Amino acid sequence: MGKEVTSGTRSATSVCVALALALAFPAAAQVHLECSSWRRLSQDQKLQTIDRTIEDLISGSRGREYTSINRTETGRCLESHRNRMVDDFDELCSRGTRADLQALDRTFRSYVWSCAR
């Protein structure tokens, strides 16, 4: 029973940390790119853009404010999803003008939410 309580506490803590990261970084967890620019990038440039966005989030001053978040582990998790993020952004931008900057930001934040530790 003690093990279940510890596991449940750990899960609740993870959810709280993820929520804090996702809500605390609304400005930091942004792609800062519109689809018209995204579509002009090469595959390597897209990956570099994702890398910079992850780095900005993890290493930025707002990221350092939250000491309960394991930034290294969260960064590694986000980096492991780089190719999927590019594919998701490509898919969003293939929809034309209906995919806006906010859609790219929401997509990035969903990855942040899933990786926060």
PDB file of N, CA and C in Angstrom:
ATOM      1  N   MET A   1       0.814  -1.195   0.000  1.00  0.00           N
ATOM      2  CA  MET A   1       0.000   0.000   0.000  1.00  0.00           C
ATOM      3  C   MET A   1       0.858   1.261   0.000  1.00  0.00           C
ATOM      4  N   GLY A   2       1.939   1.247   0.761  1.00  0.00           N
ATOM      5  CA  GLY A   2       2.835   2.388   0.792  1.00  0.00           C
ATOM      6  C   GLY A   2       3.419   2.682  -0.568  1.00  0.00           C
ATOM      7  N   LYS A   3       3.713   1.636  -1.320  1.00  0.00           N
ATOM      8  CA  LYS A   3       4.270   1.801  -2.661  1.00  0.00           C
ATOM      9  C   LYS A   3       3.271   2.491  -3.580  1.00  0.00           C
ATOM     10  N   GLU A   4       1.977   2.114  -3.446  1.00  0.00           N
ATOM     11  CA  GLU A   4       0.946   2.741  -4.267  1.00  0.00           C
ATOM     12  C   GLU A   4       0.803   4.216  -3.927  1.00  0.00           C
ATOM     13  N   VAL A   5       0.873   4.546  -2.642  1.00  0.00           N
ATOM     14  CA  VAL A   5       0.751   5.935  -2.225  1.00  0.00           C
ATOM     15  C   VAL A   5       1.920   6.736  -2.776  1.00  0.00           C
ATOM     16  N   THR A   6       3.139   6.178  -2.671  1.00  0.00           N
ATOM     17  CA  THR A   6       4.308   6.867  -3.200  1.00  0.00           C
ATOM     18  C   THR A   6       4.175   7.067  -4.698  1.00  0.00           C
ATOM     19  N   SER A   7       3.736   6.029  -5.399  1.00  0.00           N
ATOM     20  CA  SER A   7       3.566   6.129  -6.843  1.00  0.00           C
ATOM     21  C   SER A   7       2.518   7.180  -7.193  1.00  0.00           C
ATOM     22  N   GLY A   8       1.420   7.186  -6.456  1.00  0.00           N
ATOM     23  CA  GLY A   8       0.364   8.167  -6.691  1.00  0.00           C
ATOM     24  C   GLY A   8       0.833   9.578  -6.404  1.00  0.00           C
ATOM     25  N   THR A   9       1.643   9.735  -5.340  1.00  0.00           N
ATOM     26  CA  THR A   9       2.189  11.042  -5.007  1.00  0.00           C
ATOM     27  C   THR A   9       3.139  11.508  -6.091  1.00  0.00           C
ATOM     28  N   ARG A  10       3.964  10.578  -6.585  1.00  0.00           N
ATOM     29  CA  ARG A  10       4.900  10.919  -7.652  1.00  0.00           C
ATOM     30  C   ARG A  10       4.146  11.337  -8.907  1.00  0.00           C
ATOM     31  N   SER A  11       3.064  10.618  -9.228  1.00  0.00           N
ATOM     32  CA  SER A  11       2.272  10.966 -10.404  1.00  0.00           C
ATOM     33  C   SER A  11       1.627  12.336 -10.242  1.00  0.00           C
ATOM     34  N   ALA A  12       1.090  12.595  -9.058  1.00  0.00           N
ATOM     35  CA  ALA A  12       0.467  13.896  -8.805  1.00  0.00           C
ATOM     36  C   ALA A  12       1.499  15.003  -8.890  1.00  0.00           C
ATOM     37  N   THR A  13       2.693  14.746  -8.373  1.00  0.00           N
ATOM     38  CA  THR A  13       3.767  15.740  -8.451  1.00  0.00           C
ATOM     39  C   THR A  13       4.149  15.996  -9.898  1.00  0.00           C
ATOM     40  N   SER A  14       4.251  14.930 -10.691  1.00  0.00           N
ATOM     41  CA  SER A  14       4.597  15.084 -12.110  1.00  0.00           C
ATOM     42  C   SER A  14       3.558  15.918 -12.833  1.00  0.00           C
ATOM     43  N   VAL A  15       2.291  15.679 -12.537  1.00  0.00           N
ATOM     44  CA  VAL A  15       1.222  16.448 -13.174  1.00  0.00           C
ATOM     45  C   VAL A  15       1.316  17.914 -12.761  1.00  0.00           C
ATOM     46  N   CYS A  16       1.579  18.167 -11.490  1.00  0.00           N
ATOM     47  CA  CYS A  16       1.695  19.551 -11.017  1.00  0.00           C
ATOM     48  C   CYS A  16       2.878  20.260 -11.666  1.00  0.00           C
ATOM     49  N   VAL A  17       4.001  19.542 -11.775  1.00  0.00           N
ATOM     50  CA  VAL A  17       5.183  20.129 -12.400  1.00  0.00           C
ATOM     51  C   VAL A  17       4.901  20.421 -13.870  1.00  0.00           C
ATOM     52  N   ALA A  18       4.281  19.469 -14.548  1.00  0.00           N
ATOM     53  CA  ALA A  18       3.959  19.661 -15.964  1.00  0.00           C
ATOM     54  C   ALA A  18       3.018  20.845 -16.136  1.00  0.00           C
ATOM     55  N   LEU A  19       2.039  20.934 -15.273  1.00  0.00           N
ATOM     56  CA  LEU A  19       1.099  22.049 -15.338  1.00  0.00           C
ATOM     57  C   LEU A  19       1.819  23.368 -15.095  1.00  0.00           C
ATOM     58  N   ALA A  20       2.701  23.391 -14.115  1.00  0.00           N
ATOM     59  CA  ALA A  20       3.452  24.613 -13.826  1.00  0.00           C
ATOM     60  C   ALA A  20       4.290  25.021 -15.018  1.00  0.00           C
ATOM     61  N   LEU A  21       4.953  24.058 -15.634  1.00  0.00           N
ATOM     62  CA  LEU A  21       5.804  24.368 -16.780  1.00  0.00           C
ATOM     63  C   LEU A  21       4.965  24.861 -17.948  1.00  0.00           C
ATOM     64  N   ALA A  22       3.880  24.179 -18.223  1.00  0.00           N
ATOM     65  CA  ALA A  22       3.047  24.547 -19.366  1.00  0.00           C
ATOM     66  C   ALA A  22       2.375  25.903 -19.157  1.00  0.00           C
ATOM     67  N   LEU A  23       1.967  26.198 -17.937  1.00  0.00           N
ATOM     68  CA  LEU A  23       1.285  27.464 -17.676  1.00  0.00           C
ATOM     69  C   LEU A  23       2.245  28.598 -17.354  1.00  0.00           C
ATOM     70  N   ALA A  24       3.388  28.258 -16.780  1.00  0.00           N
ATOM     71  CA  ALA A  24       4.321  29.299 -16.365  1.00  0.00           C
ATOM     72  C   ALA A  24       5.141  29.845 -17.511  1.00  0.00           C
ATOM     73  N   PHE A  25       5.220  29.125 -18.601  1.00  0.00           N
ATOM     74  CA  PHE A  25       6.047  29.550 -19.717  1.00  0.00           C
ATOM     75  C   PHE A  25       5.238  29.936 -20.948  1.00  0.00           C
ATOM     76  N   PRO A  26       4.120  30.613 -20.811  1.00  0.00           N
ATOM     77  CA  PRO A  26       3.355  30.906 -22.024  1.00  0.00           C
ATOM     78  C   PRO A  26       4.152  31.720 -23.037  1.00  0.00           C
ATOM     79  N   ALA A  27       4.980  32.623 -22.573  1.00  0.00           N
ATOM     80  CA  ALA A  27       5.776  33.412 -23.516  1.00  0.00           C
ATOM     81  C   ALA A  27       7.018  32.655 -23.962  1.00  0.00           C
ATOM     82  N   ALA A  28       7.603  31.879 -23.064  1.00  0.00           N
ATOM     83  CA  ALA A  28       8.841  31.170 -23.397  1.00  0.00           C
ATOM     84  C   ALA A  28       8.587  29.977 -24.306  1.00  0.00           C
ATOM     85  N   ALA A  29       7.461  29.301 -24.128  1.00  0.00           N
ATOM     86  CA  ALA A  29       7.181  28.095 -24.913  1.00  0.00           C
ATOM     87  C   ALA A  29       6.505  28.469 -26.230  1.00  0.00           C
ATOM     88  N   GLN A  30       7.226  29.236 -27.018  1.00  0.00           N
ATOM     89  CA  GLN A  30       6.683  29.679 -28.294  1.00  0.00           C
ATOM     90  C   GLN A  30       7.676  29.404 -29.409  1.00  0.00           C
ATOM     91  N   VAL A  31       7.130  29.155 -30.562  1.00  0.00           N
ATOM     92  CA  VAL A  31       7.942  28.858 -31.728  1.00  0.00           C
ATOM     93  C   VAL A  31       8.452  30.135 -32.387  1.00  0.00           C
ATOM     94  N   HIS A  32       7.735  31.233 -32.268  1.00  0.00           N
ATOM     95  CA  HIS A  32       8.110  32.515 -32.872  1.00  0.00           C
ATOM     96  C   HIS A  32       8.312  32.401 -34.380  1.00  0.00           C
ATOM     97  N   LEU A  33       7.421  31.697 -35.045  1.00  0.00           N
ATOM     98  CA  LEU A  33       7.538  31.500 -36.476  1.00  0.00           C
ATOM     99  C   LEU A  33       6.155  31.280 -37.048  1.00  0.00           C
ATOM    100  N   GLU A  34       5.913  31.854 -38.190  1.00  0.00           N
ATOM    101  CA  GLU A  34       4.641  31.654 -38.872  1.00  0.00           C
ATOM    102  C   GLU A  34       4.824  30.623 -39.968  1.00  0.00           C
ATOM    103  N   CYS A  35       3.728  30.044 -40.406  1.00  0.00           N
ATOM    104  CA  CYS A  35       3.786  28.988 -41.416  1.00  0.00           C
ATOM    105  C   CYS A  35       4.435  29.450 -42.714  1.00  0.00           C
ATOM    106  N   SER A  36       4.201  30.690 -43.097  1.00  0.00           N
ATOM    107  CA  SER A  36       4.812  31.163 -44.348  1.00  0.00           C
ATOM    108  C   SER A  36       6.336  31.083 -44.264  1.00  0.00           C
ATOM    109  N   SER A  37       6.901  31.375 -43.108  1.00  0.00           N
ATOM    110  CA  SER A  37       8.351  31.259 -42.910  1.00  0.00           C
ATOM    111  C   SER A  37       8.767  29.805 -42.739  1.00  0.00           C
ATOM    112  N   TRP A  38       7.983  29.052 -42.000  1.00  0.00           N
ATOM    113  CA  TRP A  38       8.291  27.637 -41.732  1.00  0.00           C
ATOM    114  C   TRP A  38       8.415  26.843 -43.030  1.00  0.00           C
ATOM    115  N   ARG A  39       7.502  27.078 -43.950  1.00  0.00           N
ATOM    116  CA  ARG A  39       7.496  26.321 -45.209  1.00  0.00           C
ATOM    117  C   ARG A  39       8.729  26.593 -46.065  1.00  0.00           C
ATOM    118  N   ARG A  40       9.347  27.744 -45.877  1.00  0.00           N
ATOM    119  CA  ARG A  40      10.543  28.076 -46.658  1.00  0.00           C
ATOM    120  C   ARG A  40      11.825  27.460 -46.102  1.00  0.00           C
ATOM    121  N   LEU A  41      11.767  26.900 -44.904  1.00  0.00           N
ATOM    122  CA  LEU A  41      12.961  26.338 -44.272  1.00  0.00           C
ATOM    123  C   LEU A  41      13.277  24.955 -44.824  1.00  0.00           C
ATOM    124  N   SER A  42      14.560  24.634 -44.891  1.00  0.00           N
ATOM    125  CA  SER A  42      14.977  23.269 -45.242  1.00  0.00           C
ATOM    126  C   SER A  42      14.727  22.375 -44.019  1.00  0.00           C
ATOM    127  N   GLN A  43      14.853  21.092 -44.206  1.00  0.00           N
ATOM    128  CA  GLN A  43      14.661  20.156 -43.095  1.00  0.00           C
ATOM    129  C   GLN A  43      15.651  20.460 -41.961  1.00  0.00           C
ATOM    130  N   ASP A  44      16.910  20.719 -42.310  1.00  0.00           N
ATOM    131  CA  ASP A  44      17.922  21.042 -41.296  1.00  0.00           C
ATOM    132  C   ASP A  44      17.573  22.342 -40.566  1.00  0.00           C
ATOM    133  N   GLN A  45      17.104  23.332 -41.293  1.00  0.00           N
ATOM    134  CA  GLN A  45      16.728  24.604 -40.661  1.00  0.00           C
ATOM    135  C   GLN A  45      15.528  24.428 -39.728  1.00  0.00           C
ATOM    136  N   LYS A  46      14.605  23.554 -40.111  1.00  0.00           N
ATOM    137  CA  LYS A  46      13.456  23.275 -39.247  1.00  0.00           C
ATOM    138  C   LYS A  46      13.917  22.635 -37.946  1.00  0.00           C
ATOM    139  N   LEU A  47      14.829  21.674 -38.043  1.00  0.00           N
ATOM    140  CA  LEU A  47      15.360  21.028 -36.842  1.00  0.00           C
ATOM    141  C   LEU A  47      16.122  22.035 -35.982  1.00  0.00           C
ATOM    142  N   GLN A  48      16.875  22.928 -36.612  1.00  0.00           N
ATOM    143  CA  GLN A  48      17.593  23.961 -35.864  1.00  0.00           C
ATOM    144  C   GLN A  48      16.619  24.904 -35.153  1.00  0.00           C
ATOM    145  N   THR A  49      15.523  25.214 -35.800  1.00  0.00           N
ATOM    146  CA  THR A  49      14.510  26.075 -35.190  1.00  0.00           C
ATOM    147  C   THR A  49      13.912  25.395 -33.960  1.00  0.00           C
ATOM    148  N   ILE A  50      13.610  24.115 -34.089  1.00  0.00           N
ATOM    149  CA  ILE A  50      13.091  23.356 -32.948  1.00  0.00           C
ATOM    150  C   ILE A  50      14.130  23.339 -31.830  1.00  0.00           C
ATOM    151  N   ASP A  51      15.381  23.089 -32.180  1.00  0.00           N
ATOM    152  CA  ASP A  51      16.455  23.059 -31.178  1.00  0.00           C
ATOM    153  C   ASP A  51      16.565  24.385 -30.435  1.00  0.00           C
ATOM    154  N   ARG A  52      16.514  25.502 -31.179  1.00  0.00           N
ATOM    155  CA  ARG A  52      16.588  26.829 -30.538  1.00  0.00           C
ATOM    156  C   ARG A  52      15.395  27.066 -29.620  1.00  0.00           C
ATOM    157  N   THR A  53      14.232  26.623 -30.047  1.00  0.00           N
ATOM    158  CA  THR A  53      13.027  26.810 -29.240  1.00  0.00           C
ATOM    159  C   THR A  53      13.133  26.023 -27.935  1.00  0.00           C
ATOM    160  N   ILE A  54      13.621  24.795 -28.022  1.00  0.00           N
ATOM    161  CA  ILE A  54      13.822  23.972 -26.824  1.00  0.00           C
ATOM    162  C   ILE A  54      14.858  24.633 -25.915  1.00  0.00           C
ATOM    163  N   GLU A  55      15.958  25.056 -26.495  1.00  0.00           N
ATOM    164  CA  GLU A  55      17.026  25.704 -25.718  1.00  0.00           C
ATOM    165  C   GLU A  55      16.511  26.968 -25.030  1.00  0.00           C
ATOM    166  N   ASP A  56      15.740  27.770 -25.752  1.00  0.00           N
ATOM    167  CA  ASP A  56      15.169  28.980 -25.162  1.00  0.00           C
ATOM    168  C   ASP A  56      14.287  28.653 -23.969  1.00  0.00           C
ATOM    169  N   LEU A  57      13.506  27.620 -24.099  1.00  0.00           N
ATOM    170  CA  LEU A  57      12.604  27.229 -23.013  1.00  0.00           C
ATOM    171  C   LEU A  57      13.377  26.715 -21.806  1.00  0.00           C
ATOM    172  N   ILE A  58      14.308  25.817 -22.038  1.00  0.00           N
ATOM    173  CA  ILE A  58      15.012  25.152 -20.941  1.00  0.00           C
ATOM    174  C   ILE A  58      16.043  26.061 -20.279  1.00  0.00           C
ATOM    175  N   SER A  59      16.755  26.831 -21.060  1.00  0.00           N
ATOM    176  CA  SER A  59      17.853  27.634 -20.523  1.00  0.00           C
ATOM    177  C   SER A  59      17.492  29.081 -20.242  1.00  0.00           C
ATOM    178  N   GLY A  60      16.342  29.492 -20.684  1.00  0.00           N
ATOM    179  CA  GLY A  60      15.939  30.874 -20.482  1.00  0.00           C
ATOM    180  C   GLY A  60      15.752  31.216 -19.015  1.00  0.00           C
ATOM    181  N   SER A  61      15.718  32.487 -18.722  1.00  0.00           N
ATOM    182  CA  SER A  61      15.599  32.938 -17.331  1.00  0.00           C
ATOM    183  C   SER A  61      14.314  32.443 -16.677  1.00  0.00           C
ATOM    184  N   ARG A  62      13.233  32.361 -17.443  1.00  0.00           N
ATOM    185  CA  ARG A  62      11.980  31.872 -16.858  1.00  0.00           C
ATOM    186  C   ARG A  62      12.082  30.395 -16.527  1.00  0.00           C
ATOM    187  N   GLY A  63      12.803  29.633 -17.331  1.00  0.00           N
ATOM    188  CA  GLY A  63      12.979  28.216 -17.068  1.00  0.00           C
ATOM    189  C   GLY A  63      13.784  27.963 -15.810  1.00  0.00           C
ATOM    190  N   ARG A  64      14.753  28.826 -15.543  1.00  0.00           N
ATOM    191  CA  ARG A  64      15.594  28.653 -14.354  1.00  0.00           C
ATOM    192  C   ARG A  64      14.863  29.022 -13.069  1.00  0.00           C
ATOM    193  N   GLU A  65      13.767  29.744 -13.172  1.00  0.00           N
ATOM    194  CA  GLU A  65      13.004  30.134 -11.983  1.00  0.00           C
ATOM    195  C   GLU A  65      12.361  28.931 -11.290  1.00  0.00           C
ATOM    196  N   TYR A  66      12.079  27.883 -12.033  1.00  0.00           N
ATOM    197  CA  TYR A  66      11.343  26.741 -11.495  1.00  0.00           C
ATOM    198  C   TYR A  66      12.303  25.610 -11.191  1.00  0.00           C
ATOM    199  N   THR A  67      12.799  25.605  -9.946  1.00  0.00           N
ATOM    200  CA  THR A  67      13.818  24.636  -9.549  1.00  0.00           C
ATOM    201  C   THR A  67      13.256  23.236  -9.377  1.00  0.00           C
ATOM    202  N   SER A  68      11.943  23.075  -9.275  1.00  0.00           N
ATOM    203  CA  SER A  68      11.357  21.741  -9.109  1.00  0.00           C
ATOM    204  C   SER A  68      11.287  20.984 -10.429  1.00  0.00           C
ATOM    205  N   ILE A  69      11.563  21.649 -11.532  1.00  0.00           N
ATOM    206  CA  ILE A  69      11.496  21.016 -12.847  1.00  0.00           C
ATOM    207  C   ILE A  69      12.899  20.570 -13.252  1.00  0.00           C
ATOM    208  N   ASN A  70      13.014  19.315 -13.620  1.00  0.00           N
ATOM    209  CA  ASN A  70      14.291  18.794 -14.100  1.00  0.00           C
ATOM    210  C   ASN A  70      14.446  19.234 -15.553  1.00  0.00           C
ATOM    211  N   ARG A  71      15.102  20.368 -15.741  1.00  0.00           N
ATOM    212  CA  ARG A  71      15.228  20.947 -17.081  1.00  0.00           C
ATOM    213  C   ARG A  71      16.032  20.057 -18.021  1.00  0.00           C
ATOM    214  N   THR A  72      17.052  19.393 -17.488  1.00  0.00           N
ATOM    215  CA  THR A  72      17.872  18.521 -18.336  1.00  0.00           C
ATOM    216  C   THR A  72      17.051  17.368 -18.885  1.00  0.00           C
ATOM    217  N   GLU A  73      16.297  16.716 -18.014  1.00  0.00           N
ATOM    218  CA  GLU A  73      15.477  15.581 -18.451  1.00  0.00           C
ATOM    219  C   GLU A  73      14.358  16.030 -19.382  1.00  0.00           C
ATOM    220  N   THR A  74      13.758  17.141 -19.074  1.00  0.00           N
ATOM    221  CA  THR A  74      12.703  17.677 -19.931  1.00  0.00           C
ATOM    222  C   THR A  74      13.270  18.041 -21.306  1.00  0.00           C
ATOM    223  N   GLY A  75      14.447  18.657 -21.321  1.00  0.00           N
ATOM    224  CA  GLY A  75      15.094  18.999 -22.589  1.00  0.00           C
ATOM    225  C   GLY A  75      15.414  17.767 -23.422  1.00  0.00           C
ATOM    226  N   ARG A  76      15.916  16.729 -22.768  1.00  0.00           N
ATOM    227  CA  ARG A  76      16.219  15.488 -23.500  1.00  0.00           C
ATOM    228  C   ARG A  76      14.961  14.877 -24.095  1.00  0.00           C
ATOM    229  N   CYS A  77      13.894  14.901 -23.330  1.00  0.00           N
ATOM    230  CA  CYS A  77      12.626  14.373 -23.821  1.00  0.00           C
ATOM    231  C   CYS A  77      12.162  15.167 -25.041  1.00  0.00           C
ATOM    232  N   LEU A  78      12.204  16.492 -24.942  1.00  0.00           N
ATOM    233  CA  LEU A  78      11.789  17.326 -26.073  1.00  0.00           C
ATOM    234  C   LEU A  78      12.670  17.073 -27.295  1.00  0.00           C
ATOM    235  N   GLU A  79      13.968  16.942 -27.066  1.00  0.00           N
ATOM    236  CA  GLU A  79      14.884  16.673 -28.180  1.00  0.00           C
ATOM    237  C   GLU A  79      14.572  15.340 -28.848  1.00  0.00           C
ATOM    238  N   SER A  80      14.119  14.367 -28.079  1.00  0.00           N
ATOM    239  CA  SER A  80      13.800  13.065 -28.670  1.00  0.00           C
ATOM    240  C   SER A  80      12.568  13.132 -29.575  1.00  0.00           C
ATOM    241  N   HIS A  81      11.791  14.204 -29.459  1.00  0.00           N
ATOM    242  CA  HIS A  81      10.577  14.381 -30.263  1.00  0.00           C
ATOM    243  C   HIS A  81      10.760  15.398 -31.396  1.00  0.00           C
ATOM    244  N   ARG A  82      11.998  15.806 -31.655  1.00  0.00           N
ATOM    245  CA  ARG A  82      12.267  16.844 -32.663  1.00  0.00           C
ATOM    246  C   ARG A  82      11.641  16.511 -34.008  1.00  0.00           C
ATOM    247  N   ASN A  83      11.882  15.319 -34.506  1.00  0.00           N
ATOM    248  CA  ASN A  83      11.377  14.957 -35.837  1.00  0.00           C
ATOM    249  C   ASN A  83       9.854  14.938 -35.870  1.00  0.00           C
ATOM    250  N   ARG A  84       9.233  14.464 -34.790  1.00  0.00           N
ATOM    251  CA  ARG A  84       7.768  14.472 -34.728  1.00  0.00           C
ATOM    252  C   ARG A  84       7.229  15.896 -34.689  1.00  0.00           C
ATOM    253  N   MET A  85       7.929  16.791 -33.982  1.00  0.00           N
ATOM    254  CA  MET A  85       7.500  18.189 -33.951  1.00  0.00           C
ATOM    255  C   MET A  85       7.552  18.787 -35.354  1.00  0.00           C
ATOM    256  N   VAL A  86       8.632  18.524 -36.078  1.00  0.00           N
ATOM    257  CA  VAL A  86       8.748  19.027 -37.449  1.00  0.00           C
ATOM    258  C   VAL A  86       7.589  18.501 -38.285  1.00  0.00           C
ATOM    259  N   ASP A  87       7.313  17.201 -38.169  1.00  0.00           N
ATOM    260  CA  ASP A  87       6.196  16.612 -38.922  1.00  0.00           C
ATOM    261  C   ASP A  87       4.866  17.262 -38.542  1.00  0.00           C
ATOM    262  N   ASP A  88       4.662  17.486 -37.238  1.00  0.00           N
ATOM    263  CA  ASP A  88       3.419  18.124 -36.792  1.00  0.00           C
ATOM    264  C   ASP A  88       3.308  19.555 -37.311  1.00  0.00           C
ATOM    265  N   PHE A  89       4.409  20.297 -37.259  1.00  0.00           N
ATOM    266  CA  PHE A  89       4.390  21.669 -37.769  1.00  0.00           C
ATOM    267  C   PHE A  89       4.148  21.673 -39.276  1.00  0.00           C
ATOM    268  N   ASP A  90       4.797  20.737 -39.988  1.00  0.00           N
ATOM    269  CA  ASP A  90       4.571  20.634 -41.431  1.00  0.00           C
ATOM    270  C   ASP A  90       3.098  20.361 -41.730  1.00  0.00           C
ATOM    271  N   GLU A  91       2.509  19.461 -40.964  1.00  0.00           N
ATOM    272  CA  GLU A  91       1.095  19.120 -41.151  1.00  0.00           C
ATOM    273  C   GLU A  91       0.213  20.338 -40.896  1.00  0.00           C
ATOM    274  N   LEU A  92       0.470  21.036 -39.801  1.00  0.00           N
ATOM    275  CA  LEU A  92      -0.307  22.239 -39.497  1.00  0.00           C
ATOM    276  C   LEU A  92      -0.176  23.268 -40.610  1.00  0.00           C
ATOM    277  N   CYS A  93       1.038  23.484 -41.074  1.00  0.00           N
ATOM    278  CA  CYS A  93       1.274  24.511 -42.084  1.00  0.00           C
ATOM    279  C   CYS A  93       0.772  24.100 -43.466  1.00  0.00           C
ATOM    280  N   SER A  94       0.575  22.815 -43.683  1.00  0.00           N
ATOM    281  CA  SER A  94       0.030  22.375 -44.973  1.00  0.00           C
ATOM    282  C   SER A  94      -1.439  22.760 -45.114  1.00  0.00           C
ATOM    283  N   ARG A  95      -2.050  23.145 -44.020  1.00  0.00           N
ATOM    284  CA  ARG A  95      -3.459  23.550 -44.030  1.00  0.00           C
ATOM    285  C   ARG A  95      -3.641  24.978 -44.523  1.00  0.00           C
ATOM    286  N   GLY A  96      -2.545  25.626 -44.863  1.00  0.00           N
ATOM    287  CA  GLY A  96      -2.620  26.978 -45.404  1.00  0.00           C
ATOM    288  C   GLY A  96      -2.759  28.026 -44.333  1.00  0.00           C
ATOM    289  N   THR A  97      -3.502  29.058 -44.651  1.00  0.00           N
ATOM    290  CA  THR A  97      -3.606  30.200 -43.748  1.00  0.00           C
ATOM    291  C   THR A  97      -4.397  29.888 -42.488  1.00  0.00           C
ATOM    292  N   ARG A  98      -5.062  28.764 -42.450  1.00  0.00           N
ATOM    293  CA  ARG A  98      -5.842  28.425 -41.253  1.00  0.00           C
ATOM    294  C   ARG A  98      -4.951  28.065 -40.069  1.00  0.00           C
ATOM    295  N   ALA A  99      -3.723  27.620 -40.361  1.00  0.00           N
ATOM    296  CA  ALA A  99      -2.783  27.312 -39.291  1.00  0.00           C
ATOM    297  C   ALA A  99      -2.031  28.594 -38.946  1.00  0.00           C
ATOM    298  N   ASP A 100      -2.253  29.100 -37.775  1.00  0.00           N
ATOM    299  CA  ASP A 100      -1.618  30.345 -37.393  1.00  0.00           C
ATOM    300  C   ASP A 100      -0.498  30.094 -36.390  1.00  0.00           C
ATOM    301  N   LEU A 101       0.139  31.160 -35.995  1.00  0.00           N
ATOM    302  CA  LEU A 101       1.224  31.104 -35.026  1.00  0.00           C
ATOM    303  C   LEU A 101       0.767  30.435 -33.738  1.00  0.00           C
ATOM    304  N   GLN A 102      -0.445  30.702 -33.309  1.00  0.00           N
ATOM    305  CA  GLN A 102      -0.958  30.120 -32.076  1.00  0.00           C
ATOM    306  C   GLN A 102      -1.081  28.610 -32.180  1.00  0.00           C
ATOM    307  N   ALA A 103      -1.397  28.088 -33.346  1.00  0.00           N
ATOM    308  CA  ALA A 103      -1.488  26.634 -33.521  1.00  0.00           C
ATOM    309  C   ALA A 103      -0.120  25.990 -33.359  1.00  0.00           C
ATOM    310  N   LEU A 104       0.911  26.614 -33.894  1.00  0.00           N
ATOM    311  CA  LEU A 104       2.267  26.090 -33.717  1.00  0.00           C
ATOM    312  C   LEU A 104       2.673  26.151 -32.247  1.00  0.00           C
ATOM    313  N   ASP A 105       2.344  27.249 -31.584  1.00  0.00           N
ATOM    314  CA  ASP A 105       2.658  27.382 -30.163  1.00  0.00           C
ATOM    315  C   ASP A 105       1.936  26.330 -29.323  1.00  0.00           C
ATOM    316  N   ARG A 106       0.660  26.117 -29.616  1.00  0.00           N
ATOM    317  CA  ARG A 106      -0.103  25.103 -28.866  1.00  0.00           C
ATOM    318  C   ARG A 106       0.502  23.718 -29.063  1.00  0.00           C
ATOM    319  N   THR A 107       0.939  23.437 -30.268  1.00  0.00           N
ATOM    320  CA  THR A 107       1.550  22.141 -30.552  1.00  0.00           C
ATOM    321  C   THR A 107       2.848  21.983 -29.763  1.00  0.00           C
ATOM    322  N   PHE A 108       3.672  23.023 -29.762  1.00  0.00           N
ATOM    323  CA  PHE A 108       4.918  22.951 -29.000  1.00  0.00           C
ATOM    324  C   PHE A 108       4.635  22.782 -27.517  1.00  0.00           C
ATOM    325  N   ARG A 109       3.682  23.539 -26.992  1.00  0.00           N
ATOM    326  CA  ARG A 109       3.349  23.430 -25.563  1.00  0.00           C
ATOM    327  C   ARG A 109       2.821  22.054 -25.211  1.00  0.00           C
ATOM    328  N   SER A 110       2.151  21.383 -26.142  1.00  0.00           N
ATOM    329  CA  SER A 110       1.672  20.029 -25.844  1.00  0.00           C
ATOM    330  C   SER A 110       2.851  19.074 -25.666  1.00  0.00           C
ATOM    331  N   TYR A 111       3.910  19.283 -26.426  1.00  0.00           N
ATOM    332  CA  TYR A 111       5.122  18.474 -26.219  1.00  0.00           C
ATOM    333  C   TYR A 111       5.772  18.814 -24.879  1.00  0.00           C
ATOM    334  N   VAL A 112       5.804  20.091 -24.539  1.00  0.00           N
ATOM    335  CA  VAL A 112       6.357  20.498 -23.252  1.00  0.00           C
ATOM    336  C   VAL A 112       5.579  19.841 -22.120  1.00  0.00           C
ATOM    337  N   TRP A 113       4.271  19.880 -22.236  1.00  0.00           N
ATOM    338  CA  TRP A 113       3.396  19.273 -21.233  1.00  0.00           C
ATOM    339  C   TRP A 113       3.711  17.784 -21.057  1.00  0.00           C
ATOM    340  N   SER A 114       3.907  17.074 -22.155  1.00  0.00           N
ATOM    341  CA  SER A 114       4.149  15.630 -22.077  1.00  0.00           C
ATOM    342  C   SER A 114       5.550  15.296 -21.565  1.00  0.00           C
ATOM    343  N   CYS A 115       6.485  16.241 -21.674  1.00  0.00           N
ATOM    344  CA  CYS A 115       7.876  15.960 -21.278  1.00  0.00           C
ATOM    345  C   CYS A 115       8.263  16.513 -19.902  1.00  0.00           C
ATOM    346  N   ALA A 116       7.488  17.416 -19.354  1.00  0.00           N
ATOM    347  CA  ALA A 116       7.862  18.049 -18.088  1.00  0.00           C
ATOM    348  C   ALA A 116       8.037  17.020 -16.991  1.00  0.00           C
ATOM    349  N   ARG A 117       9.145  17.136 -16.266  1.00  0.00           N
ATOM    350  CA  ARG A 117       9.464  16.182 -15.193  1.00  0.00           C
ATOM    351  C   ARG A 117       9.823  16.942 -13.937  1.00  0.00           C
TER     352      ARG A 117
END
